[in-house]
Amino acid sequence: ASGNIVHNLSQIDWSNREQYSWAKEFDTKIAGAIEEKDYQKILDFQSWGNISRLAQPSYDHLLPLFPLL
């Protein structure tokens, strides 16, 4: 699965080394669901609201994860 859990190049601020809170939250939710083997939660990621839209504005980088679930 060669994708990115968070992939939104339009939001990158190259002058700022801080992580966006929405990116950390999305990554944490995905990682937690993988650890808990709650694969349905991952498949329902679009229902997570704004963090999903920001972390994955197009889903092509997250989709490679799905066949592994």
N, C-alpha and C. Protein backbone atom coordinates (compact mmCIF):
# COMPACT_ATOMS: atom_id res chain seq x y z
N ALA A 1 0.87 -1.18 0.00
CA ALA A 1 0.00 0.00 0.00
C ALA A 1 0.90 1.22 0.00
N SER A 2 1.08 1.81 -1.13
CA SER A 2 1.95 2.97 -1.22
C SER A 2 1.11 4.22 -1.43
N GLY A 3 0.58 4.71 -0.37
CA GLY A 3 -0.19 5.95 -0.41
C GLY A 3 0.25 6.83 0.73
N ASN A 4 -0.44 7.90 0.92
CA ASN A 4 -0.16 8.80 2.03
C ASN A 4 -1.43 8.91 2.87
N ILE A 5 -1.29 8.76 4.16
CA ILE A 5 -2.45 8.88 5.02
C ILE A 5 -2.98 10.31 4.97
N VAL A 6 -2.10 11.28 5.00
CA VAL A 6 -2.47 12.69 4.84
C VAL A 6 -1.79 13.19 3.58
N HIS A 7 -2.60 13.72 2.67
CA HIS A 7 -2.02 14.17 1.40
C HIS A 7 -2.81 15.37 0.89
N ASN A 8 -2.34 16.55 1.23
CA ASN A 8 -2.97 17.77 0.75
C ASN A 8 -1.86 18.79 0.46
N LEU A 9 -1.32 18.71 -0.73
CA LEU A 9 -0.20 19.59 -1.09
C LEU A 9 -0.59 21.06 -1.12
N SER A 10 -1.87 21.35 -1.34
CA SER A 10 -2.28 22.75 -1.41
C SER A 10 -2.22 23.43 -0.04
N GLN A 11 -2.15 22.66 1.03
CA GLN A 11 -2.11 23.24 2.37
C GLN A 11 -0.70 23.33 2.95
N ILE A 12 0.30 22.87 2.23
CA ILE A 12 1.67 22.89 2.77
C ILE A 12 2.16 24.32 2.91
N ASP A 13 2.70 24.60 4.06
CA ASP A 13 3.35 25.89 4.32
C ASP A 13 4.83 25.57 4.57
N TRP A 14 5.64 25.72 3.56
CA TRP A 14 7.04 25.32 3.63
C TRP A 14 7.84 26.15 4.65
N SER A 15 7.31 27.30 5.05
CA SER A 15 8.03 28.14 6.01
C SER A 15 7.68 27.77 7.46
N ASN A 16 6.71 26.91 7.65
CA ASN A 16 6.25 26.55 8.98
C ASN A 16 6.53 25.07 9.24
N ARG A 17 7.22 24.78 10.32
CA ARG A 17 7.56 23.39 10.64
C ARG A 17 6.51 22.73 11.54
N GLU A 18 5.48 23.46 11.89
CA GLU A 18 4.42 22.92 12.74
C GLU A 18 3.52 21.99 11.92
N GLN A 19 3.00 20.98 12.58
CA GLN A 19 2.03 20.10 11.95
C GLN A 19 0.64 20.69 12.14
N TYR A 20 -0.19 20.51 11.14
CA TYR A 20 -1.57 20.96 11.26
C TYR A 20 -2.33 20.03 12.19
N SER A 21 -3.17 20.58 13.03
CA SER A 21 -3.92 19.76 13.98
C SER A 21 -4.84 18.78 13.26
N TRP A 22 -5.44 19.21 12.14
CA TRP A 22 -6.33 18.32 11.41
C TRP A 22 -5.56 17.15 10.80
N ALA A 23 -4.31 17.39 10.40
CA ALA A 23 -3.49 16.32 9.82
C ALA A 23 -3.11 15.31 10.90
N LYS A 24 -2.73 15.79 12.06
CA LYS A 24 -2.38 14.89 13.16
C LYS A 24 -3.60 14.09 13.61
N GLU A 25 -4.76 14.75 13.67
CA GLU A 25 -5.98 14.06 14.11
C GLU A 25 -6.37 12.96 13.11
N PHE A 26 -6.31 13.28 11.83
CA PHE A 26 -6.67 12.29 10.81
C PHE A 26 -5.70 11.11 10.86
N ASP A 27 -4.42 11.38 10.94
CA ASP A 27 -3.41 10.33 11.00
C ASP A 27 -3.60 9.46 12.24
N THR A 28 -3.88 10.08 13.37
CA THR A 28 -4.10 9.35 14.61
C THR A 28 -5.33 8.46 14.52
N LYS A 29 -6.40 8.97 13.91
CA LYS A 29 -7.62 8.17 13.78
C LYS A 29 -7.40 6.96 12.87
N ILE A 30 -6.69 7.16 11.78
CA ILE A 30 -6.39 6.04 10.88
C ILE A 30 -5.52 5.02 11.60
N ALA A 31 -4.45 5.48 12.24
CA ALA A 31 -3.54 4.57 12.95
C ALA A 31 -4.28 3.80 14.04
N GLY A 32 -5.12 4.49 14.78
CA GLY A 32 -5.90 3.83 15.84
C GLY A 32 -6.83 2.77 15.29
N ALA A 33 -7.50 3.09 14.19
CA ALA A 33 -8.41 2.12 13.58
C ALA A 33 -7.66 0.90 13.06
N ILE A 34 -6.47 1.11 12.51
CA ILE A 34 -5.66 -0.02 12.05
C ILE A 34 -5.26 -0.88 13.25
N GLU A 35 -4.78 -0.26 14.31
CA GLU A 35 -4.37 -1.00 15.50
C GLU A 35 -5.52 -1.78 16.11
N GLU A 36 -6.72 -1.19 16.09
CA GLU A 36 -7.91 -1.83 16.67
C GLU A 36 -8.58 -2.79 15.69
N LYS A 37 -8.06 -2.85 14.48
CA LYS A 37 -8.65 -3.66 13.42
C LYS A 37 -10.11 -3.27 13.15
N ASP A 38 -10.38 -1.97 13.30
CA ASP A 38 -11.71 -1.41 13.04
C ASP A 38 -11.71 -0.87 11.61
N TYR A 39 -11.73 -1.78 10.67
CA TYR A 39 -11.57 -1.42 9.26
C TYR A 39 -12.78 -0.65 8.72
N GLN A 40 -13.95 -0.91 9.28
CA GLN A 40 -15.12 -0.17 8.84
C GLN A 40 -14.97 1.32 9.14
N LYS A 41 -14.33 1.63 10.25
CA LYS A 41 -14.09 3.03 10.61
C LYS A 41 -13.26 3.72 9.53
N ILE A 42 -12.25 3.01 9.03
CA ILE A 42 -11.40 3.57 7.98
C ILE A 42 -12.21 3.75 6.70
N LEU A 43 -13.00 2.76 6.36
CA LEU A 43 -13.81 2.86 5.14
C LEU A 43 -14.82 4.00 5.22
N ASP A 44 -15.21 4.38 6.42
CA ASP A 44 -16.17 5.47 6.63
C ASP A 44 -15.48 6.81 6.89
N PHE A 45 -14.22 6.93 6.50
CA PHE A 45 -13.43 8.13 6.82
C PHE A 45 -14.08 9.42 6.34
N GLN A 46 -14.88 9.37 5.30
CA GLN A 46 -15.50 10.59 4.79
C GLN A 46 -16.50 11.18 5.78
N SER A 47 -16.98 10.38 6.70
CA SER A 47 -17.95 10.86 7.69
C SER A 47 -17.27 11.59 8.85
N TRP A 48 -15.94 11.68 8.83
CA TRP A 48 -15.21 12.33 9.92
C TRP A 48 -15.21 13.85 9.80
N GLY A 49 -15.85 14.37 8.81
CA GLY A 49 -15.99 15.82 8.69
C GLY A 49 -14.81 16.51 8.03
N ASN A 50 -14.52 17.70 8.51
CA ASN A 50 -13.54 18.58 7.88
C ASN A 50 -12.13 17.97 7.84
N ILE A 51 -11.76 17.18 8.85
CA ILE A 51 -10.41 16.61 8.83
C ILE A 51 -10.22 15.69 7.63
N SER A 52 -11.28 15.01 7.23
CA SER A 52 -11.18 14.14 6.04
C SER A 52 -11.01 14.94 4.77
N ARG A 53 -11.78 16.00 4.66
CA ARG A 53 -11.70 16.84 3.45
C ARG A 53 -10.33 17.51 3.34
N LEU A 54 -9.76 17.91 4.46
CA LEU A 54 -8.45 18.55 4.44
C LEU A 54 -7.33 17.54 4.24
N ALA A 55 -7.42 16.39 4.90
CA ALA A 55 -6.35 15.39 4.83
C ALA A 55 -6.34 14.66 3.49
N GLN A 56 -7.50 14.51 2.88
CA GLN A 56 -7.61 13.75 1.64
C GLN A 56 -8.57 14.46 0.67
N PRO A 57 -8.14 15.58 0.07
CA PRO A 57 -9.03 16.29 -0.86
C PRO A 57 -9.37 15.45 -2.09
N SER A 58 -8.50 14.55 -2.47
CA SER A 58 -8.82 13.52 -3.45
C SER A 58 -8.32 12.23 -2.83
N TYR A 59 -9.03 11.16 -3.04
CA TYR A 59 -8.77 9.95 -2.27
C TYR A 59 -7.75 9.00 -2.90
N ASP A 60 -7.16 9.40 -4.00
CA ASP A 60 -6.26 8.50 -4.72
C ASP A 60 -5.05 8.08 -3.90
N HIS A 61 -4.65 8.85 -2.92
CA HIS A 61 -3.49 8.48 -2.11
C HIS A 61 -3.86 7.65 -0.89
N LEU A 62 -5.12 7.62 -0.54
CA LEU A 62 -5.58 6.80 0.58
C LEU A 62 -6.11 5.45 0.09
N LEU A 63 -6.63 5.40 -1.10
CA LEU A 63 -7.23 4.18 -1.62
C LEU A 63 -6.32 2.96 -1.62
N PRO A 64 -5.00 3.08 -1.81
CA PRO A 64 -4.16 1.88 -1.76
C PRO A 64 -4.20 1.15 -0.42
N LEU A 65 -4.64 1.81 0.63
CA LEU A 65 -4.76 1.16 1.92
C LEU A 65 -5.94 0.18 1.95
N PHE A 66 -6.99 0.47 1.22
CA PHE A 66 -8.24 -0.29 1.34
C PHE A 66 -8.12 -1.78 1.02
N PRO A 67 -7.39 -2.21 0.01
CA PRO A 67 -7.31 -3.66 -0.24
C PRO A 67 -6.63 -4.43 0.90
N LEU A 68 -5.89 -3.74 1.74
CA LEU A 68 -5.21 -4.40 2.85
C LEU A 68 -6.10 -4.57 4.07
N LEU A 69 -7.27 -3.92 4.05
CA LEU A 69 -8.14 -3.97 5.24
C LEU A 69 -8.87 -5.28 5.34
